[in-house]
Amino acid sequence: MNESDVKKALISYGMSERKSRIFLALVRQSEASVTDLVKETGIARATVYLDLQSLEREGFVSKSRKNGVAYFTVESLNKLQTKLREKDEIIAQALPFIRNLSASAKHGASMRLVKGRDGIKSLWEDILEAYKGGLREIFGFSNLDALIELLPRYFPDWLKKEAAQPVTVNLIFPYNQKTLQGLPPSPRRKIKYIPEDYSFPGEMSIYGNKVIFFYVDKKNPHAFVIESEEVAGMLKKVFLMVWNSIKEERETDTK
């Protein structure tokens, strides 16, 4: 991870872009005056001072005086970690209420577009959360090869987490899948196959009131998320129609 990545991490946890620049400049210098930080960052003096005061109130820096000049130092980095962990805990406590509020506000169908690898990962994390929340069955037209090619480190680990959940996973694969033997064993995973002529470039997952269409091209990964009881129910019926038309079913295919 380079300094740019660290700055993005600090911004994601609530620091402004400007404050993160000042904070990292102070880390590099260990101890610095406002004048030192102005020279380092190119930010106006009054702004640097105000942001330092804010960082001091938040517990990230401390101030001392030498010969009438204020000098700032970074507080223990363990304290920074504690502060950031506190924010995580606050969000974690708020999430159940936010989810309930969101659920009560939704009527009919909604659709959104999610872009990029991180966006795709967030949707798979949502599926794991649904498992933990009580979901016990999921249906998918799956392209495992494409998913592992897109997320070679993340997705195999995700599959291990899924295999540990008490969920029945119904999957339809094209015959030409190469990575099926790498799947973690699961007696609750049911697999059927369709001819290669009907292979697909992505994945469709159906669970609860959601349908997710994943397009897993490396250059432009994205997904459409539809939340609708009616749409999910309709596509589940389409899935089952295809499923019931295929004779072969293998429940322990990857053992």
C-alpha atoms as a PDB file:
ATOM      1  CA  MET A   1       0.000   0.000   0.000  1.00  0.00           C
ATOM      2  CA  ASN A   2       1.422   3.407  -0.965  1.00  0.00           C
ATOM      3  CA  GLU A   3       0.745   6.857   0.497  1.00  0.00           C
ATOM      4  CA  SER A   4      -2.052   7.509  -1.995  1.00  0.00           C
ATOM      5  CA  ASP A   5      -3.830   4.339  -0.848  1.00  0.00           C
ATOM      6  CA  VAL A   6      -3.396   5.329   2.804  1.00  0.00           C
ATOM      7  CA  LYS A   7      -4.866   8.756   2.093  1.00  0.00           C
ATOM      8  CA  LYS A   8      -7.881   7.149   0.417  1.00  0.00           C
ATOM      9  CA  ALA A   9      -8.320   4.898   3.469  1.00  0.00           C
ATOM     10  CA  LEU A  10      -8.287   7.893   5.814  1.00  0.00           C
ATOM     11  CA  ILE A  11     -10.791   9.720   3.605  1.00  0.00           C
ATOM     12  CA  SER A  12     -13.066   6.665   3.589  1.00  0.00           C
ATOM     13  CA  TYR A  13     -13.084   6.773   7.409  1.00  0.00           C
ATOM     14  CA  GLY A  14     -14.189  10.399   7.522  1.00  0.00           C
ATOM     15  CA  MET A  15     -11.127  12.628   7.157  1.00  0.00           C
ATOM     16  CA  SER A  16     -11.389  15.265   4.466  1.00  0.00           C
ATOM     17  CA  GLU A  17      -8.884  15.084   1.617  1.00  0.00           C
ATOM     18  CA  ARG A  18      -7.167  18.209   2.960  1.00  0.00           C
ATOM     19  CA  LYS A  19      -6.962  16.974   6.548  1.00  0.00           C
ATOM     20  CA  SER A  20      -5.544  13.644   5.398  1.00  0.00           C
ATOM     21  CA  ARG A  21      -2.762  15.507   3.529  1.00  0.00           C
ATOM     22  CA  ILE A  22      -1.941  17.541   6.631  1.00  0.00           C
ATOM     23  CA  PHE A  23      -2.045  14.467   8.875  1.00  0.00           C
ATOM     24  CA  LEU A  24       0.301  12.445   6.642  1.00  0.00           C
ATOM     25  CA  ALA A  25       2.673  15.412   6.324  1.00  0.00           C
ATOM     26  CA  LEU A  26       2.783  15.565  10.116  1.00  0.00           C
ATOM     27  CA  VAL A  27       3.444  11.806  10.307  1.00  0.00           C
ATOM     28  CA  ARG A  28       6.426  12.244   7.989  1.00  0.00           C
ATOM     29  CA  GLN A  29       7.870  15.072  10.094  1.00  0.00           C
ATOM     30  CA  SER A  30       7.047  13.612  13.545  1.00  0.00           C
ATOM     31  CA  GLU A  31       6.805  17.159  14.927  1.00  0.00           C
ATOM     32  CA  ALA A  32       6.015  20.301  12.957  1.00  0.00           C
ATOM     33  CA  SER A  33       4.802  23.861  13.258  1.00  0.00           C
ATOM     34  CA  VAL A  34       2.035  25.364  11.172  1.00  0.00           C
ATOM     35  CA  THR A  35       4.713  27.015   9.022  1.00  0.00           C
ATOM     36  CA  ASP A  36       6.399  23.644   8.401  1.00  0.00           C
ATOM     37  CA  LEU A  37       3.132  22.077   7.308  1.00  0.00           C
ATOM     38  CA  VAL A  38       2.235  24.996   5.033  1.00  0.00           C
ATOM     39  CA  LYS A  39       5.562  24.485   3.234  1.00  0.00           C
ATOM     40  CA  GLU A  40       5.009  20.723   3.027  1.00  0.00           C
ATOM     41  CA  THR A  41       1.402  20.759   1.796  1.00  0.00           C
ATOM     42  CA  GLY A  42       0.975  24.121   0.037  1.00  0.00           C
ATOM     43  CA  ILE A  43      -2.282  24.658   1.934  1.00  0.00           C
ATOM     44  CA  ALA A  44      -3.090  28.143   3.241  1.00  0.00           C
ATOM     45  CA  ARG A  45      -1.808  28.860   6.749  1.00  0.00           C
ATOM     46  CA  ALA A  46      -5.180  29.687   8.306  1.00  0.00           C
ATOM     47  CA  THR A  47      -6.663  26.487   6.851  1.00  0.00           C
ATOM     48  CA  VAL A  48      -3.792  24.334   8.151  1.00  0.00           C
ATOM     49  CA  TYR A  49      -4.221  25.788  11.628  1.00  0.00           C
ATOM     50  CA  LEU A  50      -7.984  25.212  11.662  1.00  0.00           C
ATOM     51  CA  ASP A  51      -7.593  21.637  10.448  1.00  0.00           C
ATOM     52  CA  LEU A  52      -4.911  20.956  13.061  1.00  0.00           C
ATOM     53  CA  GLN A  53      -7.259  22.227  15.758  1.00  0.00           C
ATOM     54  CA  SER A  54      -9.925  19.878  14.442  1.00  0.00           C
ATOM     55  CA  LEU A  55      -7.487  16.923  14.410  1.00  0.00           C
ATOM     56  CA  GLU A  56      -6.488  17.819  17.965  1.00  0.00           C
ATOM     57  CA  ARG A  57     -10.127  17.799  19.141  1.00  0.00           C
ATOM     58  CA  GLU A  58     -10.599  14.428  17.473  1.00  0.00           C
ATOM     59  CA  GLY A  59      -7.593  13.034  19.326  1.00  0.00           C
ATOM     60  CA  PHE A  60      -5.346  12.457  16.316  1.00  0.00           C
ATOM     61  CA  VAL A  61      -2.684  15.082  17.152  1.00  0.00           C
ATOM     62  CA  SER A  62      -1.401  16.907  20.219  1.00  0.00           C
ATOM     63  CA  LYS A  63       0.076  20.397  20.614  1.00  0.00           C
ATOM     64  CA  SER A  64       2.954  21.819  22.625  1.00  0.00           C
ATOM     65  CA  ARG A  65       4.793  25.159  22.673  1.00  0.00           C
ATOM     66  CA  LYS A  66       8.484  25.927  22.262  1.00  0.00           C
ATOM     67  CA  ASN A  67       9.696  29.524  22.488  1.00  0.00           C
ATOM     68  CA  GLY A  68       6.162  30.743  21.937  1.00  0.00           C
ATOM     69  CA  VAL A  69       5.660  28.649  18.761  1.00  0.00           C
ATOM     70  CA  ALA A  70       3.010  25.927  18.584  1.00  0.00           C
ATOM     71  CA  TYR A  71       4.273  22.506  17.486  1.00  0.00           C
ATOM     72  CA  PHE A  72       2.072  19.559  16.627  1.00  0.00           C
ATOM     73  CA  THR A  73       2.800  15.845  16.891  1.00  0.00           C
ATOM     74  CA  VAL A  74       0.835  12.769  15.923  1.00  0.00           C
ATOM     75  CA  GLU A  75      -0.787  10.903  18.781  1.00  0.00           C
ATOM     76  CA  SER A  76      -0.055   7.185  19.206  1.00  0.00           C
ATOM     77  CA  LEU A  77      -0.948   5.336  16.005  1.00  0.00           C
ATOM     78  CA  ASN A  78      -2.669   2.781  18.220  1.00  0.00           C
ATOM     79  CA  LYS A  79      -5.001   5.587  19.204  1.00  0.00           C
ATOM     80  CA  LEU A  80      -5.710   6.222  15.525  1.00  0.00           C
ATOM     81  CA  GLN A  81      -6.601   2.551  15.111  1.00  0.00           C
ATOM     82  CA  THR A  82      -8.880   2.723  18.146  1.00  0.00           C
ATOM     83  CA  LYS A  83     -10.640   5.813  16.792  1.00  0.00           C
ATOM     84  CA  LEU A  84     -11.246   4.174  13.415  1.00  0.00           C
ATOM     85  CA  ARG A  85     -12.457   0.975  15.084  1.00  0.00           C
ATOM     86  CA  GLU A  86     -14.937   3.025  17.131  1.00  0.00           C
ATOM     87  CA  LYS A  87     -16.412   4.363  13.883  1.00  0.00           C
ATOM     88  CA  ASP A  88     -16.786   0.792  12.594  1.00  0.00           C
ATOM     89  CA  GLU A  89     -18.611  -0.191  15.781  1.00  0.00           C
ATOM     90  CA  ILE A  90     -20.952   2.791  15.561  1.00  0.00           C
ATOM     91  CA  ILE A  91     -21.863   1.911  11.964  1.00  0.00           C
ATOM     92  CA  ALA A  92     -22.306  -1.765  12.877  1.00  0.00           C
ATOM     93  CA  GLN A  93     -24.756  -0.806  15.624  1.00  0.00           C
ATOM     94  CA  ALA A  94     -26.685   1.472  13.276  1.00  0.00           C
ATOM     95  CA  LEU A  95     -26.957  -0.988  10.356  1.00  0.00           C
ATOM     96  CA  PRO A  96     -29.904  -3.078  11.667  1.00  0.00           C
ATOM     97  CA  PHE A  97     -32.024   0.061  12.076  1.00  0.00           C
ATOM     98  CA  ILE A  98     -30.955   1.359   8.644  1.00  0.00           C
ATOM     99  CA  ARG A  99     -31.850  -1.977   7.016  1.00  0.00           C
ATOM    100  CA  ASN A 100     -35.268  -2.014   8.698  1.00  0.00           C
ATOM    101  CA  LEU A 101     -35.872   1.589   7.704  1.00  0.00           C
ATOM    102  CA  SER A 102     -34.876   0.834   4.126  1.00  0.00           C
ATOM    103  CA  ALA A 103     -37.096  -2.248   3.994  1.00  0.00           C
ATOM    104  CA  SER A 104     -40.125  -0.366   5.322  1.00  0.00           C
ATOM    105  CA  ALA A 105     -39.604   2.454   2.815  1.00  0.00           C
ATOM    106  CA  LYS A 106     -39.496   0.241  -0.276  1.00  0.00           C
ATOM    107  CA  HIS A 107     -42.640  -0.392  -2.265  1.00  0.00           C
ATOM    108  CA  GLY A 108     -42.696  -2.135  -5.611  1.00  0.00           C
ATOM    109  CA  ALA A 109     -39.451  -2.641  -7.514  1.00  0.00           C
ATOM    110  CA  SER A 110     -36.152  -0.812  -7.479  1.00  0.00           C
ATOM    111  CA  MET A 111     -33.103  -1.236  -9.675  1.00  0.00           C
ATOM    112  CA  ARG A 112     -29.536   0.025  -9.366  1.00  0.00           C
ATOM    113  CA  LEU A 113     -26.277  -0.319 -11.249  1.00  0.00           C
ATOM    114  CA  VAL A 114     -23.094  -1.329  -9.420  1.00  0.00           C
ATOM    115  CA  LYS A 115     -19.723  -0.878 -11.121  1.00  0.00           C
ATOM    116  CA  GLY A 116     -16.171  -2.147 -10.636  1.00  0.00           C
ATOM    117  CA  ARG A 117     -14.556  -5.038  -8.789  1.00  0.00           C
ATOM    118  CA  ASP A 118     -15.175  -3.486  -5.375  1.00  0.00           C
ATOM    119  CA  GLY A 119     -18.833  -3.021  -6.246  1.00  0.00           C
ATOM    120  CA  ILE A 120     -19.089  -6.652  -7.340  1.00  0.00           C
ATOM    121  CA  LYS A 121     -17.455  -7.778  -4.076  1.00  0.00           C
ATOM    122  CA  SER A 122     -19.941  -5.723  -2.060  1.00  0.00           C
ATOM    123  CA  LEU A 123     -22.822  -7.625  -3.680  1.00  0.00           C
ATOM    124  CA  TRP A 124     -21.306 -11.003  -2.808  1.00  0.00           C
ATOM    125  CA  GLU A 125     -20.864  -9.751   0.749  1.00  0.00           C
ATOM    126  CA  ASP A 126     -24.556  -8.841   0.720  1.00  0.00           C
ATOM    127  CA  ILE A 127     -25.360 -12.458  -0.173  1.00  0.00           C
ATOM    128  CA  LEU A 128     -23.294 -13.708   2.786  1.00  0.00           C
ATOM    129  CA  GLU A 129     -25.130 -11.260   5.049  1.00  0.00           C
ATOM    130  CA  ALA A 130     -28.430 -12.635   3.747  1.00  0.00           C
ATOM    131  CA  TYR A 131     -27.265 -16.154   4.687  1.00  0.00           C
ATOM    132  CA  LYS A 132     -26.372 -14.967   8.187  1.00  0.00           C
ATOM    133  CA  GLY A 133     -29.740 -13.221   8.385  1.00  0.00           C
ATOM    134  CA  GLY A 134     -31.660 -16.451   7.802  1.00  0.00           C
ATOM    135  CA  LEU A 135     -31.768 -16.990   4.023  1.00  0.00           C
ATOM    136  CA  ARG A 136     -31.764 -20.747   3.428  1.00  0.00           C
ATOM    137  CA  GLU A 137     -31.940 -21.166  -0.355  1.00  0.00           C
ATOM    138  CA  ILE A 138     -30.454 -19.424  -3.398  1.00  0.00           C
ATOM    139  CA  PHE A 139     -30.705 -20.040  -7.131  1.00  0.00           C
ATOM    140  CA  GLY A 140     -28.149 -19.148  -9.763  1.00  0.00           C
ATOM    141  CA  PHE A 141     -27.234 -19.426 -13.412  1.00  0.00           C
ATOM    142  CA  SER A 142     -23.504 -19.421 -12.723  1.00  0.00           C
ATOM    143  CA  ASN A 143     -20.252 -18.885 -14.611  1.00  0.00           C
ATOM    144  CA  LEU A 144     -17.657 -19.882 -12.040  1.00  0.00           C
ATOM    145  CA  ASP A 145     -14.729 -19.613 -14.461  1.00  0.00           C
ATOM    146  CA  ALA A 146     -15.471 -15.966 -15.186  1.00  0.00           C
ATOM    147  CA  LEU A 147     -15.979 -15.083 -11.507  1.00  0.00           C
ATOM    148  CA  ILE A 148     -12.679 -16.622 -10.432  1.00  0.00           C
ATOM    149  CA  GLU A 149     -10.881 -14.994 -13.338  1.00  0.00           C
ATOM    150  CA  LEU A 150     -12.272 -11.604 -12.287  1.00  0.00           C
ATOM    151  CA  LEU A 151     -11.680 -12.086  -8.534  1.00  0.00           C
ATOM    152  CA  PRO A 152      -8.950 -14.773  -8.265  1.00  0.00           C
ATOM    153  CA  ARG A 153      -8.199 -14.194  -4.573  1.00  0.00           C
ATOM    154  CA  TYR A 154     -11.537 -13.031  -3.272  1.00  0.00           C
ATOM    155  CA  PHE A 155     -13.984 -15.481  -4.818  1.00  0.00           C
ATOM    156  CA  PRO A 156     -12.400 -18.822  -3.785  1.00  0.00           C
ATOM    157  CA  ASP A 157     -12.361 -17.522  -0.202  1.00  0.00           C
ATOM    158  CA  TRP A 158     -15.985 -16.409  -0.574  1.00  0.00           C
ATOM    159  CA  LEU A 159     -16.965 -19.926  -1.704  1.00  0.00           C
ATOM    160  CA  LYS A 160     -15.426 -21.391   1.473  1.00  0.00           C
ATOM    161  CA  LYS A 161     -17.511 -19.003   3.562  1.00  0.00           C
ATOM    162  CA  GLU A 162     -20.649 -19.970   1.646  1.00  0.00           C
ATOM    163  CA  ALA A 163     -19.954 -23.695   2.116  1.00  0.00           C
ATOM    164  CA  ALA A 164     -19.941 -23.138   5.887  1.00  0.00           C
ATOM    165  CA  GLN A 165     -23.483 -21.738   5.833  1.00  0.00           C
ATOM    166  CA  PRO A 166     -26.623 -23.937   6.198  1.00  0.00           C
ATOM    167  CA  VAL A 167     -27.919 -22.853   2.791  1.00  0.00           C
ATOM    168  CA  THR A 168     -29.176 -24.923  -0.135  1.00  0.00           C
ATOM    169  CA  VAL A 169     -27.403 -23.623  -3.237  1.00  0.00           C
ATOM    170  CA  ASN A 170     -29.016 -24.524  -6.579  1.00  0.00           C
ATOM    171  CA  LEU A 171     -26.695 -23.844  -9.516  1.00  0.00           C
ATOM    172  CA  ILE A 172     -26.945 -24.287 -13.262  1.00  0.00           C
ATOM    173  CA  PHE A 173     -23.559 -24.350 -15.009  1.00  0.00           C
ATOM    174  CA  PRO A 174     -22.501 -24.646 -18.645  1.00  0.00           C
ATOM    175  CA  TYR A 175     -20.698 -27.936 -19.329  1.00  0.00           C
ATOM    176  CA  ASN A 176     -17.494 -26.120 -20.295  1.00  0.00           C
ATOM    177  CA  GLN A 177     -16.655 -24.905 -16.764  1.00  0.00           C
ATOM    178  CA  LYS A 178     -13.003 -25.625 -15.902  1.00  0.00           C
ATOM    179  CA  THR A 179     -12.814 -24.708 -12.216  1.00  0.00           C
ATOM    180  CA  LEU A 180     -15.651 -26.787 -10.754  1.00  0.00           C
ATOM    181  CA  GLN A 181     -13.217 -29.255  -9.152  1.00  0.00           C
ATOM    182  CA  GLY A 182     -11.865 -26.442  -6.989  1.00  0.00           C
ATOM    183  CA  LEU A 183     -15.184 -25.833  -5.260  1.00  0.00           C
ATOM    184  CA  PRO A 184     -15.212 -26.489  -1.503  1.00  0.00           C
ATOM    185  CA  PRO A 185     -17.346 -29.613  -0.861  1.00  0.00           C
ATOM    186  CA  SER A 186     -20.910 -29.004   0.282  1.00  0.00           C
ATOM    187  CA  PRO A 187     -23.742 -31.551   0.550  1.00  0.00           C
ATOM    188  CA  ARG A 188     -26.190 -28.666   0.212  1.00  0.00           C
ATOM    189  CA  ARG A 189     -24.879 -27.572  -3.189  1.00  0.00           C
ATOM    190  CA  LYS A 190     -26.957 -28.941  -6.061  1.00  0.00           C
ATOM    191  CA  ILE A 191     -25.620 -28.609  -9.596  1.00  0.00           C
ATOM    192  CA  LYS A 192     -27.107 -29.209 -13.028  1.00  0.00           C
ATOM    193  CA  TYR A 193     -25.554 -28.548 -16.407  1.00  0.00           C
ATOM    194  CA  ILE A 194     -26.668 -27.037 -19.679  1.00  0.00           C
ATOM    195  CA  PRO A 195     -24.995 -27.440 -23.098  1.00  0.00           C
ATOM    196  CA  GLU A 196     -22.083 -25.134 -23.961  1.00  0.00           C
ATOM    197  CA  ASP A 197     -24.246 -23.495 -26.634  1.00  0.00           C
ATOM    198  CA  TYR A 198     -26.214 -21.886 -23.790  1.00  0.00           C
ATOM    199  CA  SER A 199     -23.205 -20.645 -21.794  1.00  0.00           C
ATOM    200  CA  PHE A 200     -23.401 -17.087 -20.458  1.00  0.00           C
ATOM    201  CA  PRO A 201     -20.797 -14.344 -19.834  1.00  0.00           C
ATOM    202  CA  GLY A 202     -21.916 -13.594 -16.292  1.00  0.00           C
ATOM    203  CA  GLU A 203     -24.160 -14.822 -13.516  1.00  0.00           C
ATOM    204  CA  MET A 204     -27.727 -14.377 -12.364  1.00  0.00           C
ATOM    205  CA  SER A 205     -28.372 -14.889  -8.653  1.00  0.00           C
ATOM    206  CA  ILE A 206     -31.891 -15.060  -7.209  1.00  0.00           C
ATOM    207  CA  TYR A 207     -32.421 -14.890  -3.441  1.00  0.00           C
ATOM    208  CA  GLY A 208     -35.038 -13.395  -1.168  1.00  0.00           C
ATOM    209  CA  ASN A 209     -36.574 -10.462  -3.016  1.00  0.00           C
ATOM    210  CA  LYS A 210     -33.419  -9.775  -5.045  1.00  0.00           C
ATOM    211  CA  VAL A 211     -32.140 -10.645  -8.480  1.00  0.00           C
ATOM    212  CA  ILE A 212     -28.577  -9.734  -9.420  1.00  0.00           C
ATOM    213  CA  PHE A 213     -27.288  -9.845 -12.989  1.00  0.00           C
ATOM    214  CA  PHE A 214     -23.485  -9.941 -12.878  1.00  0.00           C
ATOM    215  CA  TYR A 215     -21.493  -9.075 -15.988  1.00  0.00           C
ATOM    216  CA  VAL A 216     -17.945 -10.108 -15.116  1.00  0.00           C
ATOM    217  CA  ASP A 217     -15.880  -8.842 -18.025  1.00  0.00           C
ATOM    218  CA  LYS A 218     -12.446  -7.809 -16.686  1.00  0.00           C
ATOM    219  CA  LYS A 219     -12.475  -4.459 -18.460  1.00  0.00           C
ATOM    220  CA  ASN A 220     -15.934  -3.417 -17.365  1.00  0.00           C
ATOM    221  CA  PRO A 221     -17.318  -5.506 -14.472  1.00  0.00           C
ATOM    222  CA  HIS A 222     -20.750  -4.378 -13.367  1.00  0.00           C
ATOM    223  CA  ALA A 223     -24.051  -5.677 -12.068  1.00  0.00           C
ATOM    224  CA  PHE A 224     -27.728  -4.770 -12.074  1.00  0.00           C
ATOM    225  CA  VAL A 225     -29.551  -5.301  -8.790  1.00  0.00           C
ATOM    226  CA  ILE A 226     -33.335  -5.613  -8.849  1.00  0.00           C
ATOM    227  CA  GLU A 227     -35.257  -5.659  -5.582  1.00  0.00           C
ATOM    228  CA  SER A 228     -38.807  -6.864  -6.115  1.00  0.00           C
ATOM    229  CA  GLU A 229     -40.758  -9.782  -4.704  1.00  0.00           C
ATOM    230  CA  GLU A 230     -42.620 -10.105  -8.019  1.00  0.00           C
ATOM    231  CA  VAL A 231     -39.539 -10.069 -10.265  1.00  0.00           C
ATOM    232  CA  ALA A 232     -37.603 -12.424  -7.975  1.00  0.00           C
ATOM    233  CA  GLY A 233     -40.573 -14.792  -7.868  1.00  0.00           C
ATOM    234  CA  MET A 234     -40.975 -14.732 -11.660  1.00  0.00           C
ATOM    235  CA  LEU A 235     -37.282 -15.444 -12.347  1.00  0.00           C
ATOM    236  CA  LYS A 236     -37.238 -18.159  -9.718  1.00  0.00           C
ATOM    237  CA  LYS A 237     -40.001 -19.876 -11.689  1.00  0.00           C
ATOM    238  CA  VAL A 238     -37.944 -19.517 -14.883  1.00  0.00           C
ATOM    239  CA  PHE A 239     -34.964 -21.046 -13.079  1.00  0.00           C
ATOM    240  CA  LEU A 240     -37.060 -23.975 -11.803  1.00  0.00           C
ATOM    241  CA  MET A 241     -38.534 -24.554 -15.250  1.00  0.00           C
ATOM    242  CA  VAL A 242     -35.009 -24.919 -16.670  1.00  0.00           C
ATOM    243  CA  TRP A 243     -33.893 -26.933 -13.629  1.00  0.00           C
ATOM    244  CA  ASN A 244     -36.745 -29.419 -13.910  1.00  0.00           C
ATOM    245  CA  SER A 245     -36.101 -29.907 -17.616  1.00  0.00           C
ATOM    246  CA  ILE A 246     -32.545 -31.125 -16.901  1.00  0.00           C
ATOM    247  CA  LYS A 247     -32.370 -34.751 -15.776  1.00  0.00           C
ATOM    248  CA  GLU A 248     -28.894 -34.903 -14.239  1.00  0.00           C
ATOM    249  CA  GLU A 249     -28.388 -33.445 -10.771  1.00  0.00           C
ATOM    250  CA  ARG A 250     -25.234 -33.772  -8.693  1.00  0.00           C
ATOM    251  CA  GLU A 251     -25.382 -32.769  -5.050  1.00  0.00           C
ATOM    252  CA  THR A 252     -21.785 -33.579  -4.066  1.00  0.00           C
ATOM    253  CA  ASP A 253     -20.170 -32.750  -7.381  1.00  0.00           C
ATOM    254  CA  THR A 254     -17.026 -31.224  -5.966  1.00  0.00           C
ATOM    255  CA  LYS A 255     -16.037 -33.820  -3.376  1.00  0.00           C
END
